[in-house]
Amino acid sequence: MKRSITLIVLSVAVLFVTANSTAAQATNLGGGGRPTQEQSLQDLVNEVRQLRAMLQRVNVTVYKTNIVMERLKLQQDLVARQSRDLDDVREKLGETRTEIMKMKEVVKSVESSVAVGTGNPEVAAKFKIELEEGLQREFRLVTRETQLLNELSMARNKLAELNSRLDLLETEIK
C-alpha cells in the first residue's frame, strides 16, 4: 500500500516537474531574444524552489496519508470486533429468551400441579428463581446490546470520517 502511494506521489512529482520545465521553456522562448546566462540561472533557481516546495507538499501529504491509513485500519478492526460482539450478544439474547419461554411454561405447569396438590411447592419456588435469573440475564443482555449498538454506530461514523479524510488527501495528491 505504501509502495503504491509512493509510486503515485512520484508520478505526480514527475508530471509537475515536466509541466514546470515546459512552461519555463515556453516563457523563455516567448521573450523573443536569447536568454542571458543570468536569466537562465534565475529560471533554474525558481524551478528548483518550485520543485522543493512541491516535494515538501507531497511529503506532508504522504505523511498525512500514512497516518490516516493506519488509523483507518485500526478503526476497521474496531468496527469488526464490535460487530462480532454485537452478534454474540444477540445470539445469547435469543438463547436466553428461548430459555425464559420454556421456563415460563415449566413454572406454569408446576404451579398448576401444586394448585391441584400433586406438585412440590419447593420445586415451584426453585423454578421461579431460575426464571427470575433468566429475566435478569435478559435485561443485562438487552442493556449490553444497546451499548454495543451505540458504540458501533460511533465507530462506523469515525470510520466514515477517516474515509472522507483519505479521499481529501487523495485529491491533494492529484
N, C-alpha and C. Protein backbone atom coordinates (compact mmCIF):
# COMPACT_ATOMS: atom_id res chain seq x y z
N MET A 1 0.82 -1.19 0.00
CA MET A 1 0.00 0.00 0.00
C MET A 1 0.87 1.25 0.00
N LYS A 2 1.92 1.24 0.87
CA LYS A 2 2.80 2.39 0.93
C LYS A 2 3.56 2.54 -0.39
N ARG A 3 3.90 1.41 -0.98
CA ARG A 3 4.63 1.43 -2.23
C ARG A 3 3.80 2.06 -3.33
N SER A 4 2.49 1.71 -3.37
CA SER A 4 1.63 2.29 -4.42
C SER A 4 1.43 3.78 -4.20
N ILE A 5 1.31 4.19 -2.95
CA ILE A 5 1.17 5.63 -2.67
C ILE A 5 2.44 6.36 -3.08
N THR A 6 3.59 5.76 -2.78
CA THR A 6 4.86 6.37 -3.15
C THR A 6 4.98 6.49 -4.66
N LEU A 7 4.56 5.44 -5.38
CA LEU A 7 4.61 5.50 -6.84
C LEU A 7 3.69 6.59 -7.39
N ILE A 8 2.53 6.73 -6.78
CA ILE A 8 1.60 7.77 -7.23
C ILE A 8 2.21 9.14 -6.98
N VAL A 9 2.79 9.32 -5.81
CA VAL A 9 3.39 10.60 -5.47
C VAL A 9 4.54 10.92 -6.42
N LEU A 10 5.38 9.94 -6.69
CA LEU A 10 6.50 10.17 -7.60
C LEU A 10 6.00 10.48 -9.01
N SER A 11 4.94 9.82 -9.44
CA SER A 11 4.38 10.09 -10.77
C SER A 11 3.86 11.52 -10.86
N VAL A 12 3.19 11.94 -9.79
CA VAL A 12 2.68 13.31 -9.76
C VAL A 12 3.84 14.30 -9.78
N ALA A 13 4.90 13.98 -9.03
CA ALA A 13 6.06 14.86 -8.99
C ALA A 13 6.71 14.98 -10.36
N VAL A 14 6.83 13.87 -11.07
CA VAL A 14 7.41 13.90 -12.42
C VAL A 14 6.54 14.74 -13.34
N LEU A 15 5.22 14.59 -13.22
CA LEU A 15 4.33 15.40 -14.05
C LEU A 15 4.51 16.89 -13.76
N PHE A 16 4.60 17.24 -12.47
CA PHE A 16 4.80 18.65 -12.12
C PHE A 16 6.12 19.18 -12.66
N VAL A 17 7.17 18.38 -12.51
CA VAL A 17 8.48 18.82 -12.98
C VAL A 17 8.46 19.01 -14.49
N THR A 18 7.86 18.08 -15.21
CA THR A 18 7.78 18.17 -16.66
C THR A 18 6.95 19.37 -17.07
N ALA A 19 5.82 19.58 -16.38
CA ALA A 19 4.96 20.72 -16.71
C ALA A 19 5.66 22.04 -16.41
N ASN A 20 6.33 22.13 -15.26
CA ASN A 20 7.05 23.36 -14.92
C ASN A 20 8.19 23.62 -15.89
N SER A 21 8.89 22.58 -16.26
CA SER A 21 10.01 22.73 -17.19
C SER A 21 9.52 23.21 -18.55
N THR A 22 8.43 22.63 -19.02
CA THR A 22 7.87 23.03 -20.31
C THR A 22 7.36 24.46 -20.25
N ALA A 23 6.72 24.83 -19.15
CA ALA A 23 6.21 26.19 -19.02
C ALA A 23 7.36 27.19 -18.97
N ALA A 24 8.43 26.84 -18.26
CA ALA A 24 9.58 27.74 -18.16
C ALA A 24 10.24 27.93 -19.51
N GLN A 25 10.33 26.86 -20.29
CA GLN A 25 10.94 26.96 -21.61
C GLN A 25 10.08 27.81 -22.53
N ALA A 26 8.78 27.64 -22.44
CA ALA A 26 7.88 28.41 -23.29
C ALA A 26 7.97 29.89 -22.93
N THR A 27 8.11 30.20 -21.65
CA THR A 27 8.23 31.60 -21.22
C THR A 27 9.51 32.21 -21.77
N ASN A 28 10.59 31.48 -21.69
CA ASN A 28 11.87 32.00 -22.17
C ASN A 28 11.86 32.21 -23.67
N LEU A 29 11.28 31.28 -24.40
CA LEU A 29 11.26 31.40 -25.86
C LEU A 29 10.31 32.48 -26.31
N GLY A 30 9.29 32.74 -25.52
CA GLY A 30 8.31 33.76 -25.90
C GLY A 30 8.89 35.16 -25.78
N GLY A 31 10.00 35.34 -25.10
CA GLY A 31 10.59 36.65 -24.91
C GLY A 31 11.18 37.21 -26.19
N GLY A 32 11.36 36.40 -27.17
CA GLY A 32 11.85 36.88 -28.44
C GLY A 32 13.35 36.80 -28.56
N GLY A 33 14.09 37.06 -27.52
CA GLY A 33 15.54 37.06 -27.62
C GLY A 33 16.11 35.88 -26.87
N ARG A 34 17.40 35.75 -26.99
CA ARG A 34 18.07 34.67 -26.28
C ARG A 34 18.20 35.07 -24.81
N PRO A 35 17.92 34.15 -23.95
CA PRO A 35 18.04 34.48 -22.54
C PRO A 35 19.50 34.63 -22.15
N THR A 36 19.72 35.50 -21.26
CA THR A 36 21.08 35.68 -20.77
C THR A 36 21.40 34.57 -19.78
N GLN A 37 22.66 34.47 -19.49
CA GLN A 37 23.09 33.43 -18.56
C GLN A 37 22.50 33.70 -17.17
N GLU A 38 22.44 34.95 -16.81
CA GLU A 38 21.85 35.32 -15.51
C GLU A 38 20.38 34.96 -15.46
N GLN A 39 19.65 35.23 -16.56
CA GLN A 39 18.23 34.91 -16.63
C GLN A 39 18.02 33.39 -16.55
N SER A 40 18.87 32.65 -17.25
CA SER A 40 18.77 31.19 -17.23
C SER A 40 19.02 30.66 -15.83
N LEU A 41 20.00 31.22 -15.15
CA LEU A 41 20.30 30.81 -13.79
C LEU A 41 19.13 31.13 -12.86
N GLN A 42 18.54 32.30 -13.03
CA GLN A 42 17.40 32.70 -12.21
C GLN A 42 16.22 31.76 -12.45
N ASP A 43 15.96 31.42 -13.73
CA ASP A 43 14.88 30.49 -14.05
C ASP A 43 15.14 29.13 -13.40
N LEU A 44 16.37 28.69 -13.45
CA LEU A 44 16.72 27.40 -12.86
C LEU A 44 16.53 27.42 -11.34
N VAL A 45 16.94 28.50 -10.71
CA VAL A 45 16.75 28.64 -9.26
C VAL A 45 15.26 28.64 -8.92
N ASN A 46 14.45 29.34 -9.71
CA ASN A 46 12.99 29.38 -9.49
C ASN A 46 12.39 27.98 -9.62
N GLU A 47 12.82 27.25 -10.63
CA GLU A 47 12.31 25.89 -10.82
C GLU A 47 12.70 25.00 -9.66
N VAL A 48 13.94 25.14 -9.18
CA VAL A 48 14.38 24.33 -8.05
C VAL A 48 13.54 24.67 -6.81
N ARG A 49 13.27 25.94 -6.59
CA ARG A 49 12.44 26.35 -5.45
C ARG A 49 11.03 25.79 -5.58
N GLN A 50 10.47 25.87 -6.78
CA GLN A 50 9.13 25.33 -7.01
C GLN A 50 9.11 23.82 -6.77
N LEU A 51 10.15 23.16 -7.26
CA LEU A 51 10.24 21.71 -7.08
C LEU A 51 10.38 21.36 -5.61
N ARG A 52 11.19 22.10 -4.88
CA ARG A 52 11.37 21.85 -3.46
C ARG A 52 10.05 22.06 -2.71
N ALA A 53 9.36 23.13 -3.03
CA ALA A 53 8.07 23.40 -2.38
C ALA A 53 7.06 22.30 -2.69
N MET A 54 7.06 21.86 -3.95
CA MET A 54 6.13 20.81 -4.34
C MET A 54 6.47 19.50 -3.62
N LEU A 55 7.75 19.17 -3.54
CA LEU A 55 8.15 17.95 -2.85
C LEU A 55 7.81 18.01 -1.37
N GLN A 56 7.95 19.17 -0.77
CA GLN A 56 7.57 19.31 0.63
C GLN A 56 6.07 19.08 0.82
N ARG A 57 5.27 19.64 -0.09
CA ARG A 57 3.82 19.43 -0.02
C ARG A 57 3.49 17.95 -0.20
N VAL A 58 4.15 17.32 -1.16
CA VAL A 58 3.89 15.90 -1.42
C VAL A 58 4.31 15.07 -0.22
N ASN A 59 5.47 15.38 0.38
CA ASN A 59 5.92 14.63 1.55
C ASN A 59 4.95 14.78 2.71
N VAL A 60 4.46 15.97 2.93
CA VAL A 60 3.49 16.19 4.00
C VAL A 60 2.21 15.41 3.71
N THR A 61 1.77 15.44 2.47
CA THR A 61 0.56 14.72 2.09
C THR A 61 0.74 13.22 2.27
N VAL A 62 1.88 12.69 1.87
CA VAL A 62 2.16 11.26 2.04
C VAL A 62 2.19 10.91 3.53
N TYR A 63 2.81 11.76 4.32
CA TYR A 63 2.87 11.52 5.77
C TYR A 63 1.46 11.49 6.36
N LYS A 64 0.66 12.48 6.00
CA LYS A 64 -0.72 12.52 6.50
C LYS A 64 -1.51 11.30 6.03
N THR A 65 -1.28 10.91 4.79
CA THR A 65 -1.98 9.75 4.23
C THR A 65 -1.62 8.48 5.01
N ASN A 66 -0.34 8.32 5.32
CA ASN A 66 0.08 7.15 6.09
C ASN A 66 -0.57 7.12 7.46
N ILE A 67 -0.64 8.27 8.10
CA ILE A 67 -1.28 8.34 9.42
C ILE A 67 -2.76 7.97 9.32
N VAL A 68 -3.44 8.55 8.34
CA VAL A 68 -4.87 8.26 8.18
C VAL A 68 -5.08 6.79 7.84
N MET A 69 -4.19 6.22 7.01
CA MET A 69 -4.33 4.80 6.66
C MET A 69 -4.20 3.91 7.90
N GLU A 70 -3.24 4.21 8.76
CA GLU A 70 -3.08 3.41 9.98
C GLU A 70 -4.29 3.55 10.89
N ARG A 71 -4.77 4.77 11.04
CA ARG A 71 -5.97 4.98 11.86
C ARG A 71 -7.17 4.28 11.25
N LEU A 72 -7.25 4.28 9.93
CA LEU A 72 -8.34 3.63 9.22
C LEU A 72 -8.31 2.12 9.49
N LYS A 73 -7.12 1.52 9.44
CA LYS A 73 -7.00 0.08 9.72
C LYS A 73 -7.45 -0.23 11.15
N LEU A 74 -6.98 0.58 12.09
CA LEU A 74 -7.38 0.37 13.48
C LEU A 74 -8.88 0.50 13.66
N GLN A 75 -9.46 1.49 13.00
CA GLN A 75 -10.90 1.72 13.12
C GLN A 75 -11.68 0.57 12.48
N GLN A 76 -11.18 0.05 11.36
CA GLN A 76 -11.85 -1.09 10.72
C GLN A 76 -11.82 -2.31 11.64
N ASP A 77 -10.68 -2.53 12.30
CA ASP A 77 -10.58 -3.63 13.25
C ASP A 77 -11.56 -3.45 14.40
N LEU A 78 -11.67 -2.21 14.89
CA LEU A 78 -12.60 -1.93 15.98
C LEU A 78 -14.04 -2.19 15.56
N VAL A 79 -14.41 -1.74 14.37
CA VAL A 79 -15.78 -1.96 13.88
C VAL A 79 -16.05 -3.45 13.72
N ALA A 80 -15.08 -4.19 13.20
CA ALA A 80 -15.27 -5.63 13.03
C ALA A 80 -15.44 -6.32 14.38
N ARG A 81 -14.60 -5.94 15.35
CA ARG A 81 -14.68 -6.55 16.68
C ARG A 81 -16.02 -6.23 17.35
N GLN A 82 -16.45 -4.98 17.24
CA GLN A 82 -17.72 -4.60 17.86
C GLN A 82 -18.90 -5.28 17.16
N SER A 83 -18.79 -5.48 15.87
CA SER A 83 -19.86 -6.19 15.14
C SER A 83 -19.94 -7.64 15.62
N ARG A 84 -18.78 -8.28 15.81
CA ARG A 84 -18.78 -9.66 16.32
C ARG A 84 -19.37 -9.71 17.73
N ASP A 85 -18.97 -8.75 18.57
CA ASP A 85 -19.51 -8.71 19.93
C ASP A 85 -21.02 -8.54 19.92
N LEU A 86 -21.51 -7.68 19.06
CA LEU A 86 -22.96 -7.46 18.95
C LEU A 86 -23.66 -8.74 18.49
N ASP A 87 -23.07 -9.41 17.51
CA ASP A 87 -23.66 -10.67 17.03
C ASP A 87 -23.71 -11.71 18.16
N ASP A 88 -22.62 -11.78 18.95
CA ASP A 88 -22.58 -12.72 20.07
C ASP A 88 -23.66 -12.40 21.10
N VAL A 89 -23.80 -11.13 21.43
CA VAL A 89 -24.81 -10.72 22.42
C VAL A 89 -26.21 -11.04 21.90
N ARG A 90 -26.43 -10.78 20.63
CA ARG A 90 -27.76 -11.06 20.06
C ARG A 90 -28.05 -12.57 20.07
N GLU A 91 -27.03 -13.37 19.81
CA GLU A 91 -27.21 -14.82 19.84
C GLU A 91 -27.54 -15.28 21.26
N LYS A 92 -26.79 -14.77 22.25
CA LYS A 92 -27.06 -15.13 23.64
C LYS A 92 -28.43 -14.64 24.08
N LEU A 93 -28.82 -13.47 23.59
CA LEU A 93 -30.14 -12.92 23.92
C LEU A 93 -31.25 -13.82 23.38
N GLY A 94 -31.07 -14.30 22.17
CA GLY A 94 -32.06 -15.21 21.59
C GLY A 94 -32.15 -16.50 22.38
N GLU A 95 -31.00 -17.05 22.77
CA GLU A 95 -30.99 -18.28 23.57
C GLU A 95 -31.66 -18.04 24.92
N THR A 96 -31.36 -16.91 25.53
CA THR A 96 -31.93 -16.59 26.84
C THR A 96 -33.45 -16.44 26.75
N ARG A 97 -33.90 -15.78 25.71
CA ARG A 97 -35.36 -15.61 25.55
C ARG A 97 -36.05 -16.96 25.32
N THR A 98 -35.40 -17.84 24.60
CA THR A 98 -35.96 -19.18 24.41
C THR A 98 -36.03 -19.92 25.75
N GLU A 99 -34.94 -19.82 26.54
CA GLU A 99 -34.93 -20.44 27.87
C GLU A 99 -36.05 -19.87 28.74
N ILE A 100 -36.24 -18.56 28.68
CA ILE A 100 -37.27 -17.91 29.50
C ILE A 100 -38.65 -18.42 29.12
N MET A 101 -38.90 -18.54 27.83
CA MET A 101 -40.21 -19.04 27.39
C MET A 101 -40.44 -20.47 27.91
N LYS A 102 -39.42 -21.31 27.81
CA LYS A 102 -39.53 -22.69 28.30
C LYS A 102 -39.74 -22.70 29.81
N MET A 103 -38.98 -21.83 30.49
CA MET A 103 -39.07 -21.77 31.94
C MET A 103 -40.46 -21.29 32.38
N LYS A 104 -41.03 -20.36 31.66
CA LYS A 104 -42.39 -19.88 32.00
C LYS A 104 -43.39 -21.03 31.88
N GLU A 105 -43.23 -21.84 30.86
CA GLU A 105 -44.13 -22.99 30.68
C GLU A 105 -43.95 -23.98 31.83
N VAL A 106 -42.70 -24.21 32.21
CA VAL A 106 -42.43 -25.15 33.32
C VAL A 106 -43.03 -24.61 34.61
N VAL A 107 -42.81 -23.32 34.87
CA VAL A 107 -43.35 -22.71 36.10
C VAL A 107 -44.87 -22.82 36.10
N LYS A 108 -45.48 -22.53 34.96
CA LYS A 108 -46.94 -22.61 34.86
C LYS A 108 -47.41 -24.04 35.15
N SER A 109 -46.72 -25.00 34.59
CA SER A 109 -47.08 -26.41 34.78
C SER A 109 -46.91 -26.83 36.24
N VAL A 110 -45.78 -26.46 36.84
CA VAL A 110 -45.51 -26.84 38.23
C VAL A 110 -46.50 -26.15 39.17
N GLU A 111 -46.82 -24.87 38.92
CA GLU A 111 -47.77 -24.16 39.76
C GLU A 111 -49.16 -24.79 39.68
N SER A 112 -49.54 -25.20 38.46
CA SER A 112 -50.85 -25.85 38.35
C SER A 112 -50.87 -27.19 39.06
N SER A 113 -49.75 -27.91 39.02
CA SER A 113 -49.70 -29.19 39.74
C SER A 113 -49.68 -28.96 41.26
N VAL A 114 -49.05 -27.85 41.72
CA VAL A 114 -49.07 -27.52 43.14
C VAL A 114 -50.49 -27.13 43.55
N ALA A 115 -51.20 -26.40 42.70
CA ALA A 115 -52.57 -25.98 42.99
C ALA A 115 -53.49 -27.20 43.11
N VAL A 116 -53.22 -28.19 42.30
CA VAL A 116 -54.03 -29.41 42.35
C VAL A 116 -53.64 -30.28 43.54
N GLY A 117 -52.41 -30.07 44.01
CA GLY A 117 -51.95 -30.83 45.17
C GLY A 117 -51.00 -31.94 44.82
N THR A 118 -50.62 -32.06 43.54
CA THR A 118 -49.71 -33.15 43.14
C THR A 118 -48.26 -32.68 43.04
N GLY A 119 -48.02 -31.40 43.06
CA GLY A 119 -46.67 -30.88 42.89
C GLY A 119 -46.05 -30.42 44.19
N ASN A 120 -44.75 -30.26 44.18
CA ASN A 120 -44.00 -29.83 45.35
C ASN A 120 -43.80 -28.31 45.27
N PRO A 121 -44.21 -27.57 46.29
CA PRO A 121 -44.06 -26.11 46.28
C PRO A 121 -42.59 -25.66 46.25
N GLU A 122 -41.69 -26.45 46.83
CA GLU A 122 -40.27 -26.09 46.81
C GLU A 122 -39.71 -26.13 45.39
N VAL A 123 -40.16 -27.10 44.61
CA VAL A 123 -39.72 -27.21 43.21
C VAL A 123 -40.24 -26.00 42.43
N ALA A 124 -41.45 -25.61 42.69
CA ALA A 124 -42.03 -24.44 42.02
C ALA A 124 -41.23 -23.19 42.37
N ALA A 125 -40.83 -23.06 43.62
CA ALA A 125 -40.04 -21.91 44.05
C ALA A 125 -38.68 -21.88 43.35
N LYS A 126 -38.04 -23.05 43.20
CA LYS A 126 -36.75 -23.13 42.52
C LYS A 126 -36.88 -22.71 41.04
N PHE A 127 -37.95 -23.16 40.41
CA PHE A 127 -38.16 -22.79 39.01
C PHE A 127 -38.43 -21.29 38.86
N LYS A 128 -39.14 -20.73 39.84
CA LYS A 128 -39.40 -19.29 39.80
C LYS A 128 -38.09 -18.51 39.95
N ILE A 129 -37.21 -19.00 40.81
CA ILE A 129 -35.91 -18.35 40.99
C ILE A 129 -35.11 -18.42 39.69
N GLU A 130 -35.12 -19.58 39.05
CA GLU A 130 -34.41 -19.74 37.78
C GLU A 130 -35.01 -18.81 36.71
N LEU A 131 -36.33 -18.68 36.72
CA LEU A 131 -36.98 -17.79 35.77
C LEU A 131 -36.56 -16.34 36.01
N GLU A 132 -36.51 -15.95 37.28
CA GLU A 132 -36.10 -14.59 37.63
C GLU A 132 -34.64 -14.34 37.20
N GLU A 133 -33.79 -15.31 37.40
CA GLU A 133 -32.39 -15.19 36.97
C GLU A 133 -32.30 -15.03 35.44
N GLY A 134 -33.12 -15.79 34.75
CA GLY A 134 -33.16 -15.68 33.28
C GLY A 134 -33.63 -14.30 32.83
N LEU A 135 -34.62 -13.75 33.53
CA LEU A 135 -35.10 -12.40 33.20
C LEU A 135 -34.03 -11.35 33.47
N GLN A 136 -33.28 -11.52 34.54
CA GLN A 136 -32.19 -10.59 34.85
C GLN A 136 -31.09 -10.70 33.79
N ARG A 137 -30.78 -11.93 33.39
CA ARG A 137 -29.78 -12.14 32.34
C ARG A 137 -30.24 -11.49 31.04
N GLU A 138 -31.52 -11.61 30.73
CA GLU A 138 -32.07 -10.97 29.52
C GLU A 138 -31.92 -9.45 29.60
N PHE A 139 -32.22 -8.89 30.77
CA PHE A 139 -32.10 -7.44 30.95
C PHE A 139 -30.65 -6.98 30.73
N ARG A 140 -29.70 -7.73 31.32
CA ARG A 140 -28.28 -7.38 31.13
C ARG A 140 -27.88 -7.47 29.65
N LEU A 141 -28.36 -8.49 28.98
CA LEU A 141 -28.02 -8.65 27.56
C LEU A 141 -28.64 -7.55 26.70
N VAL A 142 -29.86 -7.16 27.01
CA VAL A 142 -30.51 -6.07 26.26
C VAL A 142 -29.74 -4.77 26.50
N THR A 143 -29.32 -4.55 27.74
CA THR A 143 -28.53 -3.35 28.05
C THR A 143 -27.21 -3.37 27.29
N ARG A 144 -26.56 -4.52 27.28
CA ARG A 144 -25.28 -4.65 26.56
C ARG A 144 -25.48 -4.47 25.06
N GLU A 145 -26.57 -5.00 24.53
CA GLU A 145 -26.86 -4.84 23.10
C GLU A 145 -27.02 -3.36 22.75
N THR A 146 -27.75 -2.63 23.57
CA THR A 146 -27.94 -1.20 23.33
C THR A 146 -26.61 -0.46 23.38
N GLN A 147 -25.80 -0.79 24.36
CA GLN A 147 -24.48 -0.16 24.50
C GLN A 147 -23.62 -0.46 23.26
N LEU A 148 -23.60 -1.71 22.84
CA LEU A 148 -22.80 -2.08 21.66
C LEU A 148 -23.31 -1.41 20.39
N LEU A 149 -24.63 -1.28 20.27
CA LEU A 149 -25.19 -0.59 19.10
C LEU A 149 -24.71 0.86 19.05
N ASN A 150 -24.72 1.52 20.20
CA ASN A 150 -24.25 2.91 20.25
C ASN A 150 -22.76 3.01 19.92
N GLU A 151 -21.96 2.13 20.52
CA GLU A 151 -20.52 2.14 20.26
C GLU A 151 -20.22 1.83 18.80
N LEU A 152 -20.95 0.88 18.24
CA LEU A 152 -20.73 0.50 16.84
C LEU A 152 -21.13 1.64 15.91
N SER A 153 -22.19 2.32 16.24
CA SER A 153 -22.61 3.47 15.44
C SER A 153 -21.54 4.56 15.45
N MET A 154 -21.00 4.84 16.63
CA MET A 154 -19.95 5.86 16.73
C MET A 154 -18.69 5.42 15.98
N ALA A 155 -18.35 4.15 16.08
CA ALA A 155 -17.15 3.64 15.39
C ALA A 155 -17.34 3.70 13.88
N ARG A 156 -18.54 3.39 13.41
CA ARG A 156 -18.80 3.48 11.96
C ARG A 156 -18.75 4.93 11.47
N ASN A 157 -19.26 5.85 12.29
CA ASN A 157 -19.17 7.27 11.93
C ASN A 157 -17.72 7.72 11.84
N LYS A 158 -16.91 7.28 12.79
CA LYS A 158 -15.48 7.62 12.79
C LYS A 158 -14.80 7.02 11.55
N LEU A 159 -15.18 5.80 11.20
CA LEU A 159 -14.63 5.16 10.01
C LEU A 159 -15.00 5.94 8.75
N ALA A 160 -16.23 6.40 8.68
CA ALA A 160 -16.66 7.19 7.52
C ALA A 160 -15.89 8.51 7.47
N GLU A 161 -15.65 9.11 8.64
CA GLU A 161 -14.88 10.36 8.70
C GLU A 161 -13.45 10.14 8.20
N LEU A 162 -12.84 9.03 8.63
CA LEU A 162 -11.48 8.73 8.18
C LEU A 162 -11.44 8.47 6.67
N ASN A 163 -12.46 7.80 6.15
CA ASN A 163 -12.54 7.58 4.70
C ASN A 163 -12.65 8.91 3.96
N SER A 164 -13.41 9.83 4.51
CA SER A 164 -13.54 11.15 3.89
C SER A 164 -12.21 11.89 3.90
N ARG A 165 -11.50 11.82 5.02
CA ARG A 165 -10.19 12.46 5.10
C ARG A 165 -9.22 11.85 4.10
N LEU A 166 -9.29 10.54 3.95
CA LEU A 166 -8.42 9.87 2.98
C LEU A 166 -8.77 10.31 1.56
N ASP A 167 -10.04 10.47 1.29
CA ASP A 167 -10.46 10.97 -0.04
C ASP A 167 -9.92 12.37 -0.29
N LEU A 168 -9.97 13.22 0.73
CA LEU A 168 -9.43 14.59 0.59
C LEU A 168 -7.94 14.57 0.32
N LEU A 169 -7.23 13.71 1.03
CA LEU A 169 -5.79 13.59 0.81
C LEU A 169 -5.48 13.06 -0.59
N GLU A 170 -6.33 12.18 -1.06
CA GLU A 170 -6.15 11.65 -2.41
C GLU A 170 -6.32 12.76 -3.45
N THR A 171 -7.28 13.64 -3.23
CA THR A 171 -7.46 14.76 -4.17
C THR A 171 -6.28 15.73 -4.09
N GLU A 172 -5.65 15.85 -2.91
CA GLU A 172 -4.46 16.71 -2.80
C GLU A 172 -3.32 16.16 -3.64
N ILE A 173 -3.20 14.85 -3.69
CA ILE A 173 -2.12 14.23 -4.45
C ILE A 173 -2.33 14.43 -5.94
N LYS A 174 -3.57 14.40 -6.36
CA LYS A 174 -3.86 14.51 -7.79
C LYS A 174 -3.62 15.86 -8.29
